Amino acid sequence: MQYMDSKECAAYLGVHINTLYKYVREGLPAFRLPGRNKFKFRKDLVDGWMLEMSQPVLTVKGKEVRSNDNSKYGELRILHP
């Protein structure tokens, strides 16, 4: 298991440190050290979160619907109301 600090994780993701903290607020898995304002990130959990966030999102009536079935992604579908 490989751990990264905030600076290393931001560099790994190719984002600014403030963007990394925004990702933490949006659900990026992070561990806060007790009594400190420092985060640690597990590389495998960061990779999993990025994979999940890179999946296509379908919005139906203002509600996001995520699908793990990408076999039909990009295929033309006719929807009947």
C-alpha atoms as a PDB file:
ATOM      1  CA  MET A   1       0.000   0.000   0.000  1.00  0.00           C
ATOM      2  CA  GLN A   2       1.458   3.310  -1.060  1.00  0.00           C
ATOM      3  CA  TYR A   3       0.513   6.520   0.762  1.00  0.00           C
ATOM      4  CA  MET A   4       0.891  10.052  -0.596  1.00  0.00           C
ATOM      5  CA  ASP A   5       0.703  13.435   1.104  1.00  0.00           C
ATOM      6  CA  SER A   6      -1.383  16.272  -0.368  1.00  0.00           C
ATOM      7  CA  LYS A   7       1.405  17.685  -2.500  1.00  0.00           C
ATOM      8  CA  GLU A   8       2.321  14.279  -3.944  1.00  0.00           C
ATOM      9  CA  CYS A   9      -1.320  13.402  -4.628  1.00  0.00           C
ATOM     10  CA  ALA A  10      -1.952  16.721  -6.401  1.00  0.00           C
ATOM     11  CA  ALA A  11       1.118  16.121  -8.574  1.00  0.00           C
ATOM     12  CA  TYR A  12      -0.012  12.518  -9.246  1.00  0.00           C
ATOM     13  CA  LEU A  13      -3.429  13.757 -10.410  1.00  0.00           C
ATOM     14  CA  GLY A  14      -1.938  16.719 -12.275  1.00  0.00           C
ATOM     15  CA  VAL A  15      -4.045  19.287 -10.430  1.00  0.00           C
ATOM     16  CA  HIS A  16      -3.452  22.303  -8.168  1.00  0.00           C
ATOM     17  CA  ILE A  17      -3.511  21.650  -4.420  1.00  0.00           C
ATOM     18  CA  ASN A  18      -6.756  23.654  -4.078  1.00  0.00           C
ATOM     19  CA  THR A  19      -8.392  21.426  -6.706  1.00  0.00           C
ATOM     20  CA  LEU A  20      -7.269  18.395  -4.687  1.00  0.00           C
ATOM     21  CA  TYR A  21      -9.035  19.773  -1.589  1.00  0.00           C
ATOM     22  CA  LYS A  22     -12.142  20.363  -3.715  1.00  0.00           C
ATOM     23  CA  TYR A  23     -11.980  16.702  -4.778  1.00  0.00           C
ATOM     24  CA  VAL A  24     -11.752  15.693  -1.083  1.00  0.00           C
ATOM     25  CA  ARG A  25     -14.971  17.637  -0.393  1.00  0.00           C
ATOM     26  CA  GLU A  26     -16.540  15.823  -3.390  1.00  0.00           C
ATOM     27  CA  GLY A  27     -15.634  12.382  -2.067  1.00  0.00           C
ATOM     28  CA  LEU A  28     -11.976  11.650  -2.855  1.00  0.00           C
ATOM     29  CA  PRO A  29     -10.905   9.131  -0.174  1.00  0.00           C
ATOM     30  CA  ALA A  30      -8.476  10.783   2.243  1.00  0.00           C
ATOM     31  CA  PHE A  31      -7.257  10.119   5.759  1.00  0.00           C
ATOM     32  CA  ARG A  32      -6.777  13.031   8.142  1.00  0.00           C
ATOM     33  CA  LEU A  33      -4.073  12.569  10.724  1.00  0.00           C
ATOM     34  CA  PRO A  34      -5.360  13.012  14.302  1.00  0.00           C
ATOM     35  CA  GLY A  35      -4.702  16.478  15.705  1.00  0.00           C
ATOM     36  CA  ARG A  36      -3.337  17.792  12.417  1.00  0.00           C
ATOM     37  CA  ASN A  37      -4.715  19.399   9.300  1.00  0.00           C
ATOM     38  CA  LYS A  38      -2.809  17.044   7.028  1.00  0.00           C
ATOM     39  CA  PHE A  39      -4.261  14.481   4.674  1.00  0.00           C
ATOM     40  CA  LYS A  40      -2.840  11.170   3.512  1.00  0.00           C
ATOM     41  CA  PHE A  41      -4.072   9.443   0.372  1.00  0.00           C
ATOM     42  CA  ARG A  42      -3.822   5.758  -0.550  1.00  0.00           C
ATOM     43  CA  LYS A  43      -2.813   5.431  -4.187  1.00  0.00           C
ATOM     44  CA  ASP A  44      -5.123   2.463  -4.843  1.00  0.00           C
ATOM     45  CA  LEU A  45      -8.153   4.345  -3.447  1.00  0.00           C
ATOM     46  CA  VAL A  46      -7.280   7.464  -5.472  1.00  0.00           C
ATOM     47  CA  ASP A  47      -7.024   5.337  -8.617  1.00  0.00           C
ATOM     48  CA  GLY A  48     -10.395   3.712  -7.874  1.00  0.00           C
ATOM     49  CA  TRP A  49     -12.054   7.092  -7.260  1.00  0.00           C
ATOM     50  CA  MET A  50     -10.661   8.491 -10.519  1.00  0.00           C
ATOM     51  CA  LEU A  51     -11.903   5.423 -12.409  1.00  0.00           C
ATOM     52  CA  GLU A  52     -15.365   5.836 -10.888  1.00  0.00           C
ATOM     53  CA  MET A  53     -15.436   9.566 -11.667  1.00  0.00           C
ATOM     54  CA  SER A  54     -14.391   8.953 -15.282  1.00  0.00           C
ATOM     55  CA  GLN A  55     -17.460   6.795 -15.988  1.00  0.00           C
ATOM     56  CA  PRO A  56     -20.136   8.395 -18.169  1.00  0.00           C
ATOM     57  CA  VAL A  57     -23.021   9.982 -16.288  1.00  0.00           C
ATOM     58  CA  LEU A  58     -26.580  10.046 -17.583  1.00  0.00           C
ATOM     59  CA  THR A  59     -28.889  12.718 -16.187  1.00  0.00           C
ATOM     60  CA  VAL A  60     -32.565  11.776 -16.113  1.00  0.00           C
ATOM     61  CA  LYS A  61     -35.013  14.440 -14.926  1.00  0.00           C
ATOM     62  CA  GLY A  62     -32.248  16.287 -13.117  1.00  0.00           C
ATOM     63  CA  LYS A  63     -31.009  13.154 -11.328  1.00  0.00           C
ATOM     64  CA  GLU A  64     -27.617  11.628 -12.111  1.00  0.00           C
ATOM     65  CA  VAL A  65     -27.629   7.939 -12.988  1.00  0.00           C
ATOM     66  CA  ARG A  66     -24.235   6.227 -13.075  1.00  0.00           C
ATOM     67  CA  SER A  67     -23.829   2.986 -14.924  1.00  0.00           C
ATOM     68  CA  ASN A  68     -20.986   0.504 -14.657  1.00  0.00           C
ATOM     69  CA  ASP A  69     -22.174  -1.253 -17.821  1.00  0.00           C
ATOM     70  CA  ASN A  70     -20.192   0.473 -20.583  1.00  0.00           C
ATOM     71  CA  SER A  71     -20.847  -2.209 -23.182  1.00  0.00           C
ATOM     72  CA  LYS A  72     -23.498  -0.028 -24.849  1.00  0.00           C
ATOM     73  CA  TYR A  73     -21.740   3.299 -24.281  1.00  0.00           C
ATOM     74  CA  GLY A  74     -21.820   5.423 -27.426  1.00  0.00           C
ATOM     75  CA  GLU A  75     -24.517   3.297 -29.050  1.00  0.00           C
ATOM     76  CA  LEU A  76     -27.545   5.140 -30.439  1.00  0.00           C
ATOM     77  CA  ARG A  77     -30.634   4.447 -28.384  1.00  0.00           C
ATOM     78  CA  ILE A  78     -34.184   5.578 -29.031  1.00  0.00           C
ATOM     79  CA  LEU A  79     -36.026   6.507 -25.852  1.00  0.00           C
ATOM     80  CA  HIS A  80     -39.799   6.495 -25.796  1.00  0.00           C
ATOM     81  CA  PRO A  81     -41.561   8.610 -23.120  1.00  0.00           C
END
